[in-house]
Protein backbone atom coordinates (compact mmCIF):
# COMPACT_ATOMS: atom_id res chain seq x y z
CA MET A 1 -36.49 108.16 122.65
CA ILE A 2 -36.13 109.14 126.30
CA PHE A 3 -34.58 107.18 129.16
CA VAL A 4 -35.10 107.89 132.87
CA GLY A 5 -33.95 106.32 136.13
CA ASP A 6 -35.36 104.33 139.01
CA VAL A 7 -39.11 104.11 139.57
CA ALA A 8 -40.40 102.64 142.86
CA ILE A 9 -43.81 104.02 143.84
CA ALA A 10 -45.41 102.82 147.07
CA PRO A 11 -49.18 102.28 147.44
CA GLY A 12 -50.98 105.58 147.89
CA ASP A 13 -48.19 107.67 146.36
CA LYS A 14 -48.51 109.71 143.17
CA PHE A 15 -45.70 111.84 141.77
CA ASN A 16 -46.20 115.28 140.24
CA PHE A 17 -43.92 116.14 137.30
CA ASN A 18 -44.13 119.91 137.18
CA GLU A 19 -43.53 121.94 133.99
CA LEU A 20 -42.81 118.75 132.08
CA PRO A 21 -41.53 119.59 128.57
CA PRO A 22 -43.90 118.55 125.73
CA VAL A 23 -41.32 116.11 124.37
CA PHE A 24 -42.27 113.63 127.11
CA SER A 25 -45.73 113.16 125.65
CA GLU A 26 -44.36 113.04 122.10
CA LYS A 27 -41.53 110.52 122.47
CA LYS A 28 -41.48 107.14 124.13
CA THR A 29 -39.90 106.99 127.59
CA CYS A 30 -38.15 103.93 129.01
CA ILE A 31 -38.27 103.71 132.82
CA ASN A 32 -36.30 101.45 135.15
CA LEU A 33 -39.09 99.72 137.07
CA GLU A 34 -37.07 99.32 140.27
CA GLY A 35 -39.25 96.74 141.94
CA ALA A 36 -42.02 94.41 140.84
CA ILE A 37 -45.56 95.61 140.32
CA SER A 38 -47.60 94.40 143.27
CA THR A 39 -51.38 94.11 143.39
CA GLN A 40 -51.28 94.21 147.19
CA ASP A 41 -51.68 97.40 149.21
CA ALA A 42 -49.26 96.18 151.89
CA LEU A 43 -45.52 96.74 151.52
CA PRO A 44 -43.07 93.85 151.91
CA ASN A 45 -41.21 93.82 155.21
CA TYR A 46 -37.86 94.06 153.46
CA GLY A 47 -37.81 95.16 149.86
CA VAL A 48 -38.96 97.56 147.15
CA ILE A 49 -42.06 97.34 144.94
CA ASN A 50 -44.25 99.39 142.64
CA THR A 51 -47.94 99.81 143.30
CA TYR A 52 -50.23 98.61 140.50
CA SER A 53 -51.37 102.25 140.22
CA PHE A 54 -47.82 103.47 139.48
CA ILE A 55 -49.08 104.36 136.01
CA ASP A 56 -51.08 107.27 137.48
CA SER A 57 -47.80 109.16 137.95
CA PHE A 58 -47.11 108.87 134.21
CA GLU A 59 -50.33 110.23 132.77
CA ASN A 60 -48.37 112.82 130.75
CA PHE A 61 -45.82 110.32 129.44
CA ASN A 62 -45.71 108.01 126.43
CA LEU A 63 -44.19 104.92 128.02
CA ALA A 64 -41.98 102.42 126.19
CA PRO A 65 -41.11 98.90 127.37
CA ALA A 66 -39.84 99.03 130.95
CA PHE A 67 -36.34 97.98 131.99
CA LEU A 68 -36.67 95.18 134.58
CA ALA A 69 -33.10 93.88 134.97
CA ASN A 70 -32.55 95.16 138.50
CA ASN A 71 -31.90 93.90 142.02
CA HIS A 72 -35.41 94.53 143.39
CA ILE A 73 -37.57 92.93 140.71
CA LEU A 74 -37.65 89.69 142.75
CA ASP A 75 -38.20 91.24 146.18
CA ILE A 76 -41.62 89.55 146.07
CA ASP A 77 -42.41 86.02 144.92
CA ASP A 78 -42.92 85.72 141.17
CA GLY A 79 -42.06 89.40 140.85
CA ILE A 80 -41.02 89.16 137.22
CA ASP A 81 -44.02 87.16 136.04
CA SER A 82 -46.53 89.30 137.96
CA THR A 83 -44.91 92.47 136.63
CA LEU A 84 -45.07 91.30 133.01
CA LYS A 85 -48.72 90.38 133.56
CA GLU A 86 -49.59 93.79 135.02
CA LEU A 87 -47.66 95.60 132.27
CA SER A 88 -49.58 93.70 129.62
CA LYS A 89 -52.84 95.00 131.11
CA LEU A 90 -51.49 98.49 130.38
CA ASN A 91 -50.45 97.51 126.84
CA LEU A 92 -46.82 97.72 127.94
CA SER A 93 -44.00 95.20 128.18
CA GLY A 94 -40.70 94.69 129.93
CA PHE A 95 -37.19 93.57 128.99
CA GLY A 96 -33.97 92.39 130.60
CA VAL A 97 -35.52 89.28 132.19
CA GLU A 98 -35.84 85.60 131.26
CA SER A 99 -35.78 85.36 127.48
CA LYS A 100 -37.16 88.88 127.16
CA SER A 101 -33.82 90.64 127.12
CA THR A 102 -34.56 92.07 123.67
CA ASN A 103 -37.49 94.28 122.70
CA LEU A 104 -38.19 96.18 119.52
CA VAL A 105 -39.60 99.65 120.07
CA GLN A 106 -40.61 101.77 117.12
CA THR A 107 -40.92 105.47 117.73
CA GLU A 108 -40.96 108.36 115.27
CA SER A 109 -38.91 107.27 112.23
CA ASP A 110 -36.44 105.23 114.24
CA GLU A 111 -36.51 101.66 115.46
CA PHE A 112 -34.63 100.60 118.55
CA ILE A 113 -33.44 97.26 119.89
CA LEU A 114 -33.17 97.48 123.68
CA LEU A 115 -30.94 94.98 125.49
CA GLY A 116 -31.10 94.84 129.30
CA TYR A 117 -28.77 93.20 131.83
CA GLY A 118 -28.21 93.22 135.60
CA TRP A 119 -25.03 92.71 137.65
CA SER A 120 -25.20 89.71 139.98
CA VAL A 121 -22.79 91.43 142.38
CA ILE A 122 -25.54 93.85 143.44
CA GLY A 123 -28.24 91.22 143.75
CA CYS A 124 -29.63 90.86 140.22
CA GLN A 125 -30.76 87.23 140.40
CA LYS A 126 -30.27 84.89 137.46
CA PRO A 127 -33.00 82.46 136.29
CA ILE A 128 -32.96 79.10 138.07
CA LYS A 129 -34.92 75.99 137.05
CA ASN A 130 -38.48 77.18 136.38
CA LYS A 131 -38.07 80.53 138.11
CA SER A 132 -37.72 83.71 136.07
CA GLY A 133 -34.64 85.84 136.57
CA VAL A 134 -32.61 88.77 135.34
CA ALA A 135 -30.48 88.61 132.19
CA GLN A 136 -26.96 88.57 133.58
CA LEU A 137 -24.20 91.09 133.01
CA ASP A 138 -21.77 88.63 131.46
CA ARG A 139 -19.47 90.02 128.78
CA ALA A 140 -19.42 86.92 126.56
CA LYS A 141 -23.21 86.60 126.48
CA ILE A 142 -23.68 90.33 125.94
CA LEU A 143 -21.25 90.40 123.01
CA ASP A 144 -23.12 87.47 121.42
CA ASP A 145 -26.49 89.19 121.92
CA VAL A 146 -25.28 92.49 120.49
CA THR A 147 -23.62 90.76 117.53
CA ASP A 148 -26.91 89.00 116.73
CA ALA A 149 -28.95 92.19 117.17
CA LEU A 150 -26.70 94.19 114.87
CA ARG A 151 -26.49 91.46 112.23
CA ASN A 152 -30.22 90.75 112.17
CA ASN A 153 -31.30 94.39 112.34
CA PRO A 154 -28.81 96.43 110.28
CA ASP A 155 -31.15 99.42 109.95
CA LYS A 156 -32.06 99.64 113.64
CA LYS A 157 -30.38 101.29 116.59
CA VAL A 158 -29.12 98.98 119.32
CA ILE A 159 -28.98 100.32 122.88
CA ALA A 160 -27.49 98.35 125.80
CA ILE A 161 -28.85 99.14 129.27
CA PHE A 162 -27.30 97.92 132.51
CA HIS A 163 -27.98 97.76 136.23
CA TRP A 164 -24.43 97.99 137.53
CA ASN A 165 -21.86 99.55 139.88
CA TYR A 166 -22.22 100.23 143.62
CA GLU A 167 -24.81 102.48 145.24
CA PHE A 168 -23.62 106.10 145.29
CA GLU A 169 -20.47 105.36 143.32
CA LEU A 170 -20.12 108.34 141.01
CA TYR A 171 -17.64 106.80 138.59
CA PRO A 172 -17.92 103.59 136.53
CA GLN A 173 -16.06 100.42 137.38
CA PRO A 174 -13.08 100.12 135.00
CA GLY A 175 -14.43 96.83 133.68
CA HIS A 176 -17.85 98.35 133.00
CA ARG A 177 -16.32 101.30 131.18
CA LYS A 178 -14.23 98.93 129.08
CA LEU A 179 -17.35 96.93 128.18
CA ALA A 180 -19.27 100.10 127.27
CA HIS A 181 -16.47 101.16 124.91
CA GLU A 182 -16.41 97.69 123.36
CA LEU A 183 -20.15 97.82 122.68
CA ILE A 184 -19.90 101.22 121.02
CA ASP A 185 -16.99 99.90 118.92
CA MET A 186 -19.26 97.04 117.81
CA GLY A 187 -21.97 99.42 116.65
CA CYS A 188 -24.26 100.20 119.60
CA THR A 189 -25.91 103.62 119.45
CA ALA A 190 -25.72 104.19 123.21
CA VAL A 191 -24.98 102.53 126.55
CA ILE A 192 -27.05 103.47 129.60
CA GLY A 193 -26.62 102.61 133.29
CA HIS A 194 -28.76 102.40 136.43
CA HIS A 195 -28.41 101.55 140.15
CA PRO A 196 -26.16 104.11 141.94
CA HIS A 197 -29.21 106.35 142.77
CA ILE A 198 -27.25 109.45 141.78
CA VAL A 199 -26.62 111.02 138.40
CA GLY A 200 -23.29 109.93 136.97
CA PRO A 201 -21.01 111.37 134.30
CA ILE A 202 -21.72 111.04 130.59
CA GLU A 203 -18.98 110.05 128.19
CA LEU A 204 -19.05 110.88 124.49
CA TYR A 205 -17.09 107.99 123.01
CA LYS A 206 -16.60 108.14 119.24
CA GLY A 207 -19.59 110.47 119.13
CA LYS A 208 -21.89 108.03 120.98
CA VAL A 209 -23.43 108.51 124.42
CA ILE A 210 -22.46 106.44 127.46
CA ALA A 211 -24.58 107.56 130.43
CA TYR A 212 -23.18 105.67 133.40
CA SER A 213 -26.03 106.38 135.84
CA LEU A 214 -29.38 108.11 135.34
CA GLY A 215 -30.10 108.21 139.09
CA ASN A 216 -33.61 108.13 140.57
CA TRP A 217 -36.78 109.27 138.81
CA ALA A 218 -39.81 108.54 140.99
CA PHE A 219 -38.74 106.80 144.20
CA SER A 220 -41.07 106.93 147.20
CA TYR A 221 -39.36 108.70 150.09
CA GLY A 222 -39.38 107.12 153.54
CA LYS A 223 -41.75 104.28 152.65
CA PHE A 224 -39.73 101.14 151.99
CA PHE A 225 -37.82 98.95 154.43
CA ASP A 226 -40.17 99.76 157.29
CA SER A 227 -40.07 103.48 156.37
CA LYS A 228 -36.30 103.61 156.87
CA LEU A 229 -35.24 104.09 153.24
CA LYS A 230 -34.59 107.80 152.68
CA PHE A 231 -32.08 108.78 150.04
CA PRO A 232 -29.92 111.85 150.72
CA ALA A 233 -30.13 115.20 148.94
CA SER A 234 -27.40 114.12 146.51
CA SER A 235 -30.01 111.87 144.87
CA PHE A 236 -32.56 114.68 144.42
CA SER A 237 -30.93 115.90 141.18
CA GLN A 238 -32.44 113.77 138.40
CA ILE A 239 -32.09 113.56 134.63
CA ALA A 240 -33.89 112.28 131.58
CA LEU A 241 -31.69 111.33 128.63
CA GLU A 242 -33.18 112.14 125.23
CA LEU A 243 -31.63 110.51 122.17
CA CYS A 244 -32.64 112.33 119.02
CA GLY A 245 -31.00 111.44 115.74
CA THR A 246 -27.36 112.42 115.84
CA SER A 247 -27.77 114.59 118.94
CA ALA A 248 -28.63 113.99 122.59
CA ARG A 249 -30.02 116.09 125.42
CA ILE A 250 -30.21 116.00 129.20
CA HIS A 251 -33.38 117.26 130.84
CA TRP A 252 -32.64 118.18 134.45
CA PHE A 253 -35.21 117.80 137.23
CA LYS A 254 -35.19 118.34 141.00
CA PHE A 255 -36.99 116.05 143.44
CA ALA A 256 -38.79 117.81 146.29
CA PRO A 257 -40.02 115.16 148.75
CA PRO A 258 -42.42 113.63 149.04
CA PHE A 259 -43.96 113.79 145.55
CA ASP A 260 -42.84 116.77 143.44
CA VAL A 261 -40.38 116.50 140.57
CA ASP A 262 -39.69 119.95 139.10
CA PHE A 263 -38.21 120.60 135.66
CA VAL A 264 -35.04 122.71 135.85
CA LYS A 265 -33.32 123.00 132.46
CA THR A 266 -32.19 121.22 129.29
CA GLU A 267 -28.58 120.77 128.16
CA GLU A 268 -27.16 119.60 124.84
CA ILE A 269 -24.69 116.80 125.49
CA THR A 270 -22.68 117.71 122.41
CA ASN A 271 -22.06 121.17 123.87
CA SER A 272 -18.53 121.29 125.28
CA ASN A 273 -19.92 123.12 128.32
CA CYS A 274 -22.34 120.31 129.23
CA SER A 275 -22.08 119.88 132.99
CA LEU A 276 -22.11 116.07 132.91
CA LEU A 277 -19.35 115.43 130.38
CA ALA A 278 -16.84 113.09 132.01
CA GLU A 279 -13.41 114.47 132.78
CA PHE A 280 -11.95 111.03 132.05
CA SER A 281 -13.30 110.85 128.48
CA ASP A 282 -9.89 110.95 126.80
CA MET A 283 -8.22 108.43 129.13
CA ASN A 284 -7.21 104.96 127.97
CA ASP A 285 -7.97 101.94 130.15
CA ASP A 286 -4.74 102.06 132.14
CA GLU A 287 -5.00 105.80 132.75
CA TYR A 288 -8.60 105.47 133.86
CA LEU A 289 -7.79 102.66 136.28
CA LEU A 290 -5.24 104.84 138.06
CA TRP A 291 -7.64 107.79 138.04
CA PHE A 292 -10.52 105.68 139.34
CA ARG A 293 -8.52 104.27 142.23
CA LYS A 294 -7.67 107.81 143.29
CA ASN A 295 -11.12 109.36 142.81
CA ARG A 296 -13.68 106.60 143.49
CA LYS A 297 -16.29 107.40 146.14
CA LYS A 298 -17.08 103.95 147.58
CA LYS A 299 -13.84 102.45 148.86
CA PHE A 300 -14.53 100.68 152.15
CA LEU A 301 -13.92 96.96 151.61
CA LEU A 302 -15.30 97.10 148.06
CA PRO A 303 -13.19 95.61 145.23
CA THR A 304 -12.50 97.25 141.89
CA TYR A 305 -13.66 95.27 138.86
CA LEU A 306 -11.20 95.35 135.97
CA THR A 307 -13.32 93.26 133.59
CA ALA A 308 -16.97 92.34 133.08
CA ASP A 309 -16.48 88.61 132.62
CA ASN A 310 -16.78 85.49 134.79
CA SER A 311 -13.08 85.16 135.56
CA PHE A 312 -11.90 83.35 138.70
CA GLU A 313 -10.70 86.69 140.08
CA ASN A 314 -14.14 88.22 139.61
CA LYS A 315 -15.83 85.22 141.22
CA LEU A 316 -13.68 85.71 144.33
CA LYS A 317 -14.59 89.39 144.40
CA ASN A 318 -18.26 88.55 143.93
CA ARG A 319 -18.15 86.18 146.89
CA TRP A 320 -16.60 88.80 149.13
CA VAL A 321 -19.15 91.47 148.16
CA SER A 322 -21.94 88.97 148.87
CA ILE A 323 -20.59 88.25 152.36
CA ARG A 324 -20.15 91.97 153.03
CA GLN A 325 -23.78 92.63 152.01
CA ILE A 326 -25.08 89.85 154.27
CA LEU A 327 -23.30 91.48 157.20
CA ILE A 328 -24.73 94.90 156.28
CA ASP A 329 -28.28 93.53 155.96
CA TYR A 330 -27.95 91.84 159.34
CA ALA A 331 -26.72 95.06 160.91
CA VAL A 332 -29.70 96.94 159.46
CA LYS A 333 -32.17 94.41 160.84
CA LEU A 334 -30.56 94.76 164.28
CA ASN A 335 -30.76 98.59 163.95
CA ILE A 336 -26.97 98.76 164.20
CA LYS A 337 -26.74 100.39 160.78
CA SER A 338 -29.10 102.96 159.29
CA LEU A 339 -30.80 102.57 155.91
CA GLY A 340 -30.56 106.30 155.33
CA ARG A 341 -28.10 105.92 152.48
CA ASN A 342 -24.93 107.98 152.41
CA GLY A 343 -24.05 109.81 149.25
């Protein structure tokens, strides 16, 4: 099975995947649908969507259920419900939302259980009353879900997928890394991350893959947020993660705005020379915390998360990040701050 990053395709856009390896038509590919599918041709004033014709960019792909547990899936009213409806018209489904946080995908000789969760700190909204929402990144709930999935499906591979961390943070939050290790210890086959918009390091933990950020995959350039959203060149390097039996591969691509995504090369993750292998792989939790505080990229008024639970300390941090984001959004609307992301 193959996993790729963020997909947000504006109306009228169609991406060209050049020299795409044949494996993409042979194996199922799970995309992060970064924004609801909209049947309208107009873009929202402030938000990210996917055009209903997004599927045209994936004519050479064999798509699996789409990951929906992200911070833009509710940028339009009823975004989750409308997206599930549009996916069903394409004989596809989604996961990581409402009660749909688990999906069974059968491909080749393997069967996968996919579990999807989003971090409330970055705007992944939980369900309220009768409104659909994102399955929350809450350690206790995740451990329960994974325990059930492993117990009820002993012959299937369980993969946990998260929307987490800060935009353009290269390295995982210590609490997220700790959770990823815990899930592998429990029996998960892999842990995969989204949201930072850049490719992050990959850790081989006890022989299992933890890919902390897959980066972007097909993200319309200069279209969203009143044409202000333009990611920097650091986000133009993109990867597809292929899990194949006991091995794993990275397929590298390069984005050439506005619509071309060019295949570059393939690397074996188990090769000691793999360019994405994390330099912190052998560190324990305490060692990594010290290393992270020294090397993290996003430091300005952003707290470090030591755990992935709902502790009082984390709730205070969550509140501060929320206030900080409100101030940033206000500055953007007043044209005091640019939406051309730094990274």
